[in-house]
C-alpha atoms as a PDB file:
ATOM      1  CA  MET A   1       0.000   0.000   0.000  1.00  0.00           C
ATOM      2  CA  SER A   2       1.453   3.306  -1.027  1.00  0.00           C
ATOM      3  CA  GLY A   3       1.466   6.204   1.364  1.00  0.00           C
ATOM      4  CA  PHE A   4       0.544   9.808   0.751  1.00  0.00           C
ATOM      5  CA  LYS A   5       3.111  11.594  -1.352  1.00  0.00           C
ATOM      6  CA  HIS A   6       3.753  15.103  -0.070  1.00  0.00           C
ATOM      7  CA  PRO A   7       3.920  17.537  -2.976  1.00  0.00           C
ATOM      8  CA  ASP A   8       7.096  19.468  -3.197  1.00  0.00           C
ATOM      9  CA  PHE A   9       7.370  23.202  -3.751  1.00  0.00           C
ATOM     10  CA  SER A  10       7.330  23.107  -7.542  1.00  0.00           C
ATOM     11  CA  GLU A  11       4.198  20.944  -7.620  1.00  0.00           C
ATOM     12  CA  ARG A  12       2.400  23.311  -5.241  1.00  0.00           C
ATOM     13  CA  ARG A  13       3.486  26.298  -7.319  1.00  0.00           C
ATOM     14  CA  LYS A  14       2.276  24.615 -10.501  1.00  0.00           C
ATOM     15  CA  ALA A  15      -1.134  23.827  -8.916  1.00  0.00           C
ATOM     16  CA  ALA A  16      -1.507  27.434  -7.747  1.00  0.00           C
ATOM     17  CA  GLN A  17      -0.654  28.701 -11.215  1.00  0.00           C
ATOM     18  CA  GLN A  18      -3.253  26.384 -12.763  1.00  0.00           C
ATOM     19  CA  ALA A  19      -5.871  27.614 -10.279  1.00  0.00           C
ATOM     20  CA  ARG A  20      -5.122  31.244 -11.154  1.00  0.00           C
ATOM     21  CA  THR A  21      -5.263  30.449 -14.863  1.00  0.00           C
ATOM     22  CA  SER A  22      -8.577  28.641 -14.579  1.00  0.00           C
ATOM     23  CA  ALA A  23     -10.067  31.534 -12.564  1.00  0.00           C
ATOM     24  CA  LEU A  24      -8.861  33.975 -15.236  1.00  0.00           C
ATOM     25  CA  GLU A  25     -10.350  31.839 -18.003  1.00  0.00           C
ATOM     26  CA  LYS A  26     -13.641  31.659 -16.153  1.00  0.00           C
ATOM     27  CA  PHE A  27     -13.657  35.454 -15.883  1.00  0.00           C
ATOM     28  CA  LYS A  28     -12.791  35.871 -19.553  1.00  0.00           C
ATOM     29  CA  GLU A  29     -15.636  33.559 -20.562  1.00  0.00           C
ATOM     30  CA  ARG A  30     -18.205  35.989 -19.175  1.00  0.00           C
ATOM     31  CA  PRO A  31     -20.013  37.815 -21.964  1.00  0.00           C
ATOM     32  CA  ALA A  32     -19.211  41.423 -22.531  1.00  0.00           C
ATOM     33  CA  ALA A  33     -21.796  44.140 -21.932  1.00  0.00           C
ATOM     34  CA  THR A  34     -21.924  44.686 -25.705  1.00  0.00           C
ATOM     35  CA  ASP A  35     -23.170  41.143 -26.272  1.00  0.00           C
ATOM     36  CA  PRO A  36     -26.720  41.259 -27.745  1.00  0.00           C
ATOM     37  CA  ASP A  37     -27.891  38.445 -25.476  1.00  0.00           C
ATOM     38  CA  PHE A  38     -26.548  40.326 -22.471  1.00  0.00           C
ATOM     39  CA  ALA A  39     -29.234  43.015 -22.728  1.00  0.00           C
ATOM     40  CA  ALA A  40     -31.951  40.366 -23.050  1.00  0.00           C
ATOM     41  CA  ARG A  41     -30.633  38.494 -20.007  1.00  0.00           C
ATOM     42  CA  GLN A  42     -30.382  41.741 -18.032  1.00  0.00           C
ATOM     43  CA  ALA A  43     -33.973  42.617 -18.985  1.00  0.00           C
ATOM     44  CA  ALA A  44     -35.163  39.151 -17.951  1.00  0.00           C
ATOM     45  CA  THR A  45     -33.287  39.465 -14.668  1.00  0.00           C
ATOM     46  CA  ALA A  46     -34.792  42.903 -14.022  1.00  0.00           C
ATOM     47  CA  GLU A  47     -38.263  41.578 -14.853  1.00  0.00           C
ATOM     48  CA  THR A  48     -37.789  38.636 -12.506  1.00  0.00           C
ATOM     49  CA  ARG A  49     -36.526  40.953  -9.765  1.00  0.00           C
ATOM     50  CA  ALA A  50     -39.506  43.296 -10.217  1.00  0.00           C
ATOM     51  CA  ALA A  51     -41.940  40.364 -10.094  1.00  0.00           C
ATOM     52  CA  ARG A  52     -40.245  39.028  -6.969  1.00  0.00           C
ATOM     53  CA  GLU A  53     -40.411  42.442  -5.289  1.00  0.00           C
ATOM     54  CA  ALA A  54     -44.095  42.767  -6.244  1.00  0.00           C
ATOM     55  CA  ARG A  55     -44.866  39.347  -4.742  1.00  0.00           C
ATOM     56  CA  THR A  56     -42.931  40.264  -1.605  1.00  0.00           C
ATOM     57  CA  ALA A  57     -44.837  43.541  -1.265  1.00  0.00           C
ATOM     58  CA  GLU A  58     -48.121  41.709  -1.850  1.00  0.00           C
ATOM     59  CA  ARG A  59     -47.319  39.129   0.832  1.00  0.00           C
ATOM     60  CA  LYS A  60     -46.282  41.888   3.240  1.00  0.00           C
ATOM     61  CA  ALA A  61     -49.522  43.806   2.609  1.00  0.00           C
ATOM     62  CA  ALA A  62     -51.556  40.618   3.110  1.00  0.00           C
ATOM     63  CA  ARG A  63     -49.669  39.869   6.339  1.00  0.00           C
ATOM     64  CA  LEU A  64     -50.239  43.391   7.645  1.00  0.00           C
ATOM     65  CA  GLU A  65     -53.946  43.182   6.757  1.00  0.00           C
ATOM     66  CA  ARG A  66     -54.228  39.790   8.461  1.00  0.00           C
ATOM     67  CA  GLU A  67     -52.457  41.108  11.570  1.00  0.00           C
ATOM     68  CA  ARG A  68     -54.749  44.171  11.625  1.00  0.00           C
ATOM     69  CA  ALA A  69     -57.845  41.944  11.332  1.00  0.00           C
ATOM     70  CA  GLU A  70     -56.563  39.666  14.103  1.00  0.00           C
ATOM     71  CA  LYS A  71     -55.856  42.698  16.292  1.00  0.00           C
ATOM     72  CA  GLU A  72     -59.371  44.028  15.703  1.00  0.00           C
ATOM     73  CA  ALA A  73     -60.840  40.585  16.440  1.00  0.00           C
ATOM     74  CA  ARG A  74     -58.861  40.387  19.695  1.00  0.00           C
ATOM     75  CA  ALA A  75     -60.016  43.888  20.661  1.00  0.00           C
ATOM     76  CA  ALA A  76     -63.630  42.962  19.894  1.00  0.00           C
ATOM     77  CA  ALA A  77     -63.312  39.755  21.938  1.00  0.00           C
ATOM     78  CA  ILE A  78     -61.825  41.686  24.866  1.00  0.00           C
ATOM     79  CA  ALA A  79     -64.607  44.282  24.650  1.00  0.00           C
ATOM     80  CA  ALA A  80     -67.266  41.555  24.519  1.00  0.00           C
ATOM     81  CA  GLU A  81     -65.711  39.796  27.498  1.00  0.00           C
ATOM     82  CA  ALA A  82     -65.588  43.065  29.445  1.00  0.00           C
ATOM     83  CA  ALA A  83     -69.246  43.755  28.616  1.00  0.00           C
ATOM     84  CA  LEU A  84     -70.198  40.234  29.727  1.00  0.00           C
ATOM     85  CA  ARG A  85     -68.261  40.669  32.974  1.00  0.00           C
ATOM     86  CA  GLU A  86     -69.967  44.027  33.569  1.00  0.00           C
ATOM     87  CA  ALA A  87     -73.390  42.499  32.902  1.00  0.00           C
ATOM     88  CA  ASN A  88     -72.645  39.605  35.269  1.00  0.00           C
ATOM     89  CA  LEU A  89     -71.457  42.044  37.928  1.00  0.00           C
ATOM     90  CA  ARG A  90     -74.622  44.144  37.642  1.00  0.00           C
ATOM     91  CA  GLU A  91     -76.777  41.004  37.739  1.00  0.00           C
ATOM     92  CA  GLU A  92     -74.931  39.833  40.860  1.00  0.00           C
ATOM     93  CA  GLU A  93     -75.402  43.249  42.482  1.00  0.00           C
ATOM     94  CA  ALA A  94     -79.121  43.174  41.647  1.00  0.00           C
ATOM     95  CA  ARG A  95     -79.457  39.681  43.194  1.00  0.00           C
ATOM     96  CA  GLU A  96     -77.585  40.844  46.277  1.00  0.00           C
ATOM     97  CA  LEU A  97     -79.865  43.898  46.651  1.00  0.00           C
ATOM     98  CA  ALA A  98     -82.953  41.704  46.212  1.00  0.00           C
ATOM     99  CA  LEU A  99     -81.649  39.251  48.837  1.00  0.00           C
ATOM    100  CA  LYS A 100     -80.931  42.083  51.279  1.00  0.00           C
ATOM    101  CA  ALA A 101     -84.400  43.529  50.710  1.00  0.00           C
ATOM    102  CA  GLU A 102     -85.960  40.089  51.289  1.00  0.00           C
ATOM    103  CA  GLN A 103     -83.906  39.577  54.439  1.00  0.00           C
ATOM    104  CA  LYS A 104     -84.927  43.036  55.701  1.00  0.00           C
ATOM    105  CA  SER A 105     -88.606  42.402  55.059  1.00  0.00           C
ATOM    106  CA  SER A 106     -88.337  39.009  56.783  1.00  0.00           C
ATOM    107  CA  ARG A 107     -86.572  40.633  59.734  1.00  0.00           C
ATOM    108  CA  ASP A 108     -89.213  43.397  59.905  1.00  0.00           C
ATOM    109  CA  ALA A 109     -91.982  40.789  59.816  1.00  0.00           C
ATOM    110  CA  ARG A 110     -90.398  38.863  62.700  1.00  0.00           C
ATOM    111  CA  TYR A 111     -89.996  42.088  64.659  1.00  0.00           C
ATOM    112  CA  ALA A 112     -93.631  43.035  64.031  1.00  0.00           C
ATOM    113  CA  ALA A 113     -94.789  39.536  65.064  1.00  0.00           C
ATOM    114  CA  ARG A 114     -92.748  39.725  68.243  1.00  0.00           C
ATOM    115  CA  LYS A 115     -94.252  43.149  69.025  1.00  0.00           C
ATOM    116  CA  ALA A 116     -97.744  41.841  68.338  1.00  0.00           C
ATOM    117  CA  ARG A 117     -97.243  38.880  70.688  1.00  0.00           C
ATOM    118  CA  SER A 118     -96.003  41.089  73.496  1.00  0.00           C
ATOM    119  CA  ARG A 119     -99.097  43.354  73.378  1.00  0.00           C
END
């Protein structure tokens, strides 16, 4: 089994030179701005970007509208709950007043009966 062969300086230098050359070739292969297809590709890219931005704005507007509707629904639910609590509180107060009035009339009747017996 052969072991790993460490590259010497010249091999490393040659590999680096090849990497630089390939990067330069890749850069040179890019079309120039005067290329007729370049303008068409740029227009298509701009159109795609505009469509993407429009969709993003549409989604953002829909999200904001949904959040506003949810906020209004929460506020309406809180208001309804507060009104229900207020109604329950008033009903409880009315029952308490009626009970106190009944207890007072019962107490007054007992007092009057006791007075009538003593006479």
